[in-house]
């Protein structure tokens, strides 16, 4: 799928941000539990990221419906389905009213982190491809024939 076919790239970026948070236990401890925020007027927690992925972007509520809007491939749909399964399992085993610390201490949390890492890798792989494709398109537009071919071969694409 081409980058132009993802209709909601800003919403996709929000989803990727939530995946970064869910895939990083050090960040979770520092920000969600210890409340050491990276800048003033910043807030983040488990619930905010879950709401972003289920409600705001709907990539976990219905990954198939997000294809073409915020997800770019069937591989991304599968990765988000796996994360949804892991999160649903954690929410059921720990309880939806549990604290962030209780979720992180649960036996199901490593599965959530692993699934979020896999999903993040899948989505950012596409994002890297889209950036490299945009780079190649910009080089083609800016430079003539033989010069362009040399630039594209030298590019880390």
Protein backbone atom coordinates (compact mmCIF):
# COMPACT_ATOMS: atom_id res chain seq x y z
CA UNK A 1 0.00 0.00 0.00
CA UNK A 2 1.34 3.43 -0.91
CA UNK A 3 1.65 6.18 1.70
CA UNK A 4 -0.99 8.24 -0.10
CA UNK A 5 -3.47 5.43 0.56
CA UNK A 6 -3.28 5.88 4.34
CA UNK A 7 -5.97 8.49 4.77
CA UNK A 8 -5.24 9.44 8.39
CA UNK A 9 -1.45 9.72 8.85
CA UNK A 10 -1.75 11.94 11.95
CA UNK A 11 -4.00 9.40 13.63
CA UNK A 12 -1.52 6.70 12.62
CA UNK A 13 1.21 8.71 14.37
CA UNK A 14 -0.91 8.80 17.54
CA UNK A 15 -1.23 5.03 17.40
CA UNK A 16 2.52 4.61 16.93
CA UNK A 17 3.12 6.87 19.93
CA UNK A 18 0.83 4.68 22.05
CA UNK A 19 2.65 1.56 20.82
CA UNK A 20 5.98 3.09 21.85
CA UNK A 21 4.64 3.62 25.36
CA UNK A 22 3.19 0.11 25.61
CA UNK A 23 6.39 -1.49 24.34
CA UNK A 24 8.78 0.21 26.79
CA UNK A 25 8.70 -1.02 30.43
CA UNK A 26 11.31 1.55 31.48
CA UNK A 27 9.12 4.37 30.17
CA UNK A 28 6.08 2.83 31.88
CA UNK A 29 7.85 2.72 35.22
CA UNK A 30 9.26 6.22 34.93
CA UNK A 31 6.18 7.97 33.55
CA UNK A 32 3.14 5.90 34.51
CA UNK A 33 4.25 4.78 37.98
CA UNK A 34 6.91 7.24 39.21
CA UNK A 35 5.25 10.18 37.39
CA UNK A 36 8.55 11.56 36.16
CA UNK A 37 7.40 13.40 33.06
CA UNK A 38 9.73 14.46 30.24
CA UNK A 39 8.43 18.05 30.22
CA UNK A 40 6.03 20.35 32.06
CA UNK A 41 2.30 19.94 31.37
CA UNK A 42 2.87 16.37 30.14
CA UNK A 43 0.69 13.46 31.13
CA UNK A 44 0.60 9.82 30.11
CA UNK A 45 -0.63 6.57 31.59
CA UNK A 46 -1.80 3.11 30.60
CA UNK A 47 -5.45 4.15 30.23
CA UNK A 48 -4.60 7.02 27.90
CA UNK A 49 -2.69 4.70 25.56
CA UNK A 50 -5.37 2.01 25.63
CA UNK A 51 -8.03 4.64 24.87
CA UNK A 52 -5.91 5.94 21.99
CA UNK A 53 -5.63 2.48 20.44
CA UNK A 54 -9.17 1.22 21.10
CA UNK A 55 -11.34 4.33 20.97
CA UNK A 56 -9.53 7.18 19.21
CA UNK A 57 -7.82 5.29 16.37
CA UNK A 58 -9.93 2.08 16.62
CA UNK A 59 -6.90 0.05 15.49
CA UNK A 60 -7.49 -2.42 18.32
CA UNK A 61 -11.27 -2.35 18.35
CA UNK A 62 -11.45 -3.24 14.64
CA UNK A 63 -8.04 -3.54 12.95
CA UNK A 64 -9.55 -4.68 9.66
CA UNK A 65 -11.65 -1.52 9.41
CA UNK A 66 -8.53 0.61 10.04
CA UNK A 67 -6.80 -0.77 6.93
CA UNK A 68 -6.25 2.10 4.52
CA UNK A 69 -7.06 4.70 7.17
CA UNK A 70 -4.40 4.24 9.85
CA UNK A 71 -3.02 0.81 9.01
CA UNK A 72 -1.18 0.22 5.75
CA UNK A 73 -1.02 -3.56 5.33
CA UNK A 74 -2.47 -6.90 6.30
CA UNK A 75 0.69 -7.47 8.38
CA UNK A 76 -0.18 -4.39 10.44
CA UNK A 77 -3.75 -5.63 10.86
CA UNK A 78 -2.44 -8.99 12.16
CA UNK A 79 0.01 -7.27 14.53
CA UNK A 80 -2.75 -5.10 15.99
CA UNK A 81 -5.07 -8.10 16.33
CA UNK A 82 -2.37 -9.89 18.34
CA UNK A 83 -1.91 -6.84 20.57
CA UNK A 84 -5.68 -6.58 21.06
CA UNK A 85 -5.75 -10.23 22.15
CA UNK A 86 -2.89 -9.67 24.61
CA UNK A 87 -4.48 -6.51 26.05
CA UNK A 88 -7.91 -8.12 26.30
CA UNK A 89 -6.35 -11.01 28.21
CA UNK A 90 -4.59 -8.62 30.59
CA UNK A 91 -7.73 -6.55 31.12
CA UNK A 92 -9.74 -9.69 31.88
CA UNK A 93 -7.17 -11.24 34.23
CA UNK A 94 -6.28 -8.10 36.18
CA UNK A 95 -9.57 -6.24 35.95
CA UNK A 96 -10.33 -3.03 34.12
CA UNK A 97 -10.22 -0.94 37.31
CA UNK A 98 -6.68 -2.06 38.23
CA UNK A 99 -3.92 0.50 38.61
CA UNK A 100 -1.08 0.85 36.11
CA UNK A 101 1.25 -0.78 38.64
CA UNK A 102 -1.11 -3.78 38.98
CA UNK A 103 -1.21 -4.23 35.20
CA UNK A 104 2.57 -4.02 34.96
CA UNK A 105 3.02 -6.55 37.78
CA UNK A 106 0.62 -9.07 36.26
CA UNK A 107 1.78 -12.26 34.59
CA UNK A 108 0.09 -11.19 31.36
CA UNK A 109 2.01 -7.91 31.08
CA UNK A 110 5.14 -9.33 29.34
CA UNK A 111 2.83 -10.60 26.58
CA UNK A 112 1.34 -7.13 26.17
CA UNK A 113 4.81 -5.56 25.96
CA UNK A 114 6.00 -8.17 23.45
CA UNK A 115 2.90 -7.76 21.29
CA UNK A 116 3.26 -3.97 21.41
CA UNK A 117 6.92 -4.27 20.37
CA UNK A 118 5.98 -6.49 17.46
CA UNK A 119 3.22 -4.12 16.38
CA UNK A 120 5.53 -1.12 16.71
CA UNK A 121 8.18 -2.84 14.59
CA UNK A 122 5.61 -3.69 11.94
CA UNK A 123 4.15 -0.18 11.78
CA UNK A 124 7.46 1.65 11.88
CA UNK A 125 8.85 -0.64 9.18
CA UNK A 126 6.13 0.70 6.91
CA UNK A 127 6.79 4.26 8.09
CA UNK A 128 10.48 3.89 7.23
CA UNK A 129 9.49 2.59 3.81
CA UNK A 130 7.11 5.52 3.28
CA UNK A 131 9.82 8.00 4.25
CA UNK A 132 12.32 6.34 1.93
CA UNK A 133 9.75 6.31 -0.88
CA UNK A 134 9.09 10.03 -0.31
CA UNK A 135 12.84 10.63 -0.34
CA UNK A 136 13.21 8.82 -3.66
CA UNK A 137 10.27 10.74 -5.11
CA UNK A 138 11.80 14.06 -4.02
CA UNK A 139 15.17 13.13 -5.57
CA UNK A 140 13.46 12.15 -8.83
CA UNK A 141 11.62 15.47 -8.93
CA UNK A 142 14.65 17.61 -8.08
CA UNK A 143 17.44 16.06 -10.15
CA UNK A 144 17.80 15.11 -13.81
CA UNK A 145 18.65 11.64 -15.22
CA UNK A 146 22.20 10.43 -14.45
CA UNK A 147 22.66 12.65 -11.40
CA UNK A 148 19.41 11.29 -9.98
CA UNK A 149 20.47 7.67 -10.51
CA UNK A 150 23.72 8.28 -8.59
CA UNK A 151 21.86 9.95 -5.71
CA UNK A 152 19.32 7.16 -5.43
CA UNK A 153 22.03 4.46 -5.45
CA UNK A 154 23.89 6.35 -2.71
CA UNK A 155 20.75 6.78 -0.59
CA UNK A 156 20.26 4.52 2.42
CA UNK A 157 16.93 3.33 0.98
